[in-house]
Protein backbone atom coordinates (compact mmCIF):
# COMPACT_ATOMS: atom_id res chain seq x y z
CA MET A 1 83.83 80.76 105.72
CA GLU A 2 83.74 83.81 107.55
CA PRO A 3 84.86 84.57 111.37
CA GLU A 4 81.99 84.80 113.72
CA ILE A 5 83.37 88.38 114.68
CA VAL A 6 82.59 89.79 111.47
CA LEU A 7 78.88 90.30 111.62
CA PRO A 8 78.69 91.74 115.05
CA THR A 9 81.44 94.16 114.27
CA MET A 10 79.78 95.62 111.39
CA GLU A 11 76.64 95.96 113.33
CA ALA A 12 78.22 97.61 116.09
CA ILE A 13 80.16 99.96 113.94
CA ARG A 14 76.69 100.63 112.11
CA ARG A 15 75.34 101.48 115.53
CA TRP A 16 78.04 103.55 117.03
CA SER A 17 79.01 105.30 113.79
CA GLY A 18 76.38 105.01 111.45
CA VAL A 19 78.51 103.80 108.77
CA GLU A 20 77.73 100.73 106.66
CA CYS A 21 80.73 98.31 105.42
CA PRO A 22 81.54 100.23 102.13
CA ASN A 23 82.86 96.99 100.42
CA ALA A 24 84.29 93.35 100.21
CA ALA A 25 87.80 94.65 100.83
CA ALA A 26 86.43 96.45 104.09
CA ARG A 27 84.54 93.25 105.25
CA LEU A 28 87.66 91.06 104.58
CA GLY A 29 89.72 93.37 106.71
CA LEU A 30 87.26 92.84 109.76
CA ALA A 31 87.78 88.97 108.96
CA ASP A 32 91.70 89.51 109.49
CA MET A 33 90.83 91.18 112.80
CA ALA A 34 89.96 87.39 114.04
CA GLY A 35 93.45 86.05 113.29
CA LEU A 36 95.09 89.53 114.85
CA ILE A 37 92.81 88.91 118.16
CA ALA A 38 94.20 85.24 118.01
CA ASP A 39 97.79 86.37 117.96
CA MET A 40 97.41 88.77 120.81
CA GLU A 41 95.53 86.23 123.17
CA LYS A 42 98.59 83.92 122.71
CA LEU A 43 100.79 86.81 123.73
CA ARG A 44 98.52 87.24 126.97
CA GLY A 45 101.10 86.82 130.04
CA THR A 46 104.46 86.98 128.39
CA MET A 47 104.71 90.78 128.08
CA VAL A 48 105.43 92.60 130.91
CA PHE A 49 106.32 96.18 131.66
CA GLU A 50 110.27 97.05 132.44
CA ASP A 51 111.16 95.64 135.77
CA GLU A 52 113.03 98.74 136.69
CA PRO A 53 111.95 102.32 136.22
CA SER A 54 113.20 104.39 132.88
CA SER A 55 116.15 106.25 133.86
CA PHE A 56 114.08 109.64 133.38
CA GLU A 57 111.72 108.55 136.30
CA LEU A 58 114.56 107.01 138.28
CA ALA A 59 116.22 110.57 138.10
CA LEU A 60 112.82 112.00 139.18
CA ARG A 61 112.68 110.13 142.31
CA GLN A 62 116.55 110.79 143.01
CA CYS A 63 115.75 114.49 143.18
CA LYS A 64 112.68 114.19 144.98
CA GLU A 65 112.61 116.14 148.27
CA PRO A 66 112.30 113.84 151.40
CA ALA A 67 108.96 114.10 153.19
CA LYS A 68 108.94 116.89 156.33
């Protein structure tokens, strides 16, 4: 059974770009998106940016002239 996301995604692509789903492989690719989205949702809240600035940003901060 095809995930719910396929038909609305096909319609959105058609409306935005005028492109119809060209073949079964493209439709299968859209169906794979449901699994990818679910995997990304599992990662929500576990990924964070660096706690410390990168070395380049840190060097810029250290070279910054004090405000007058």
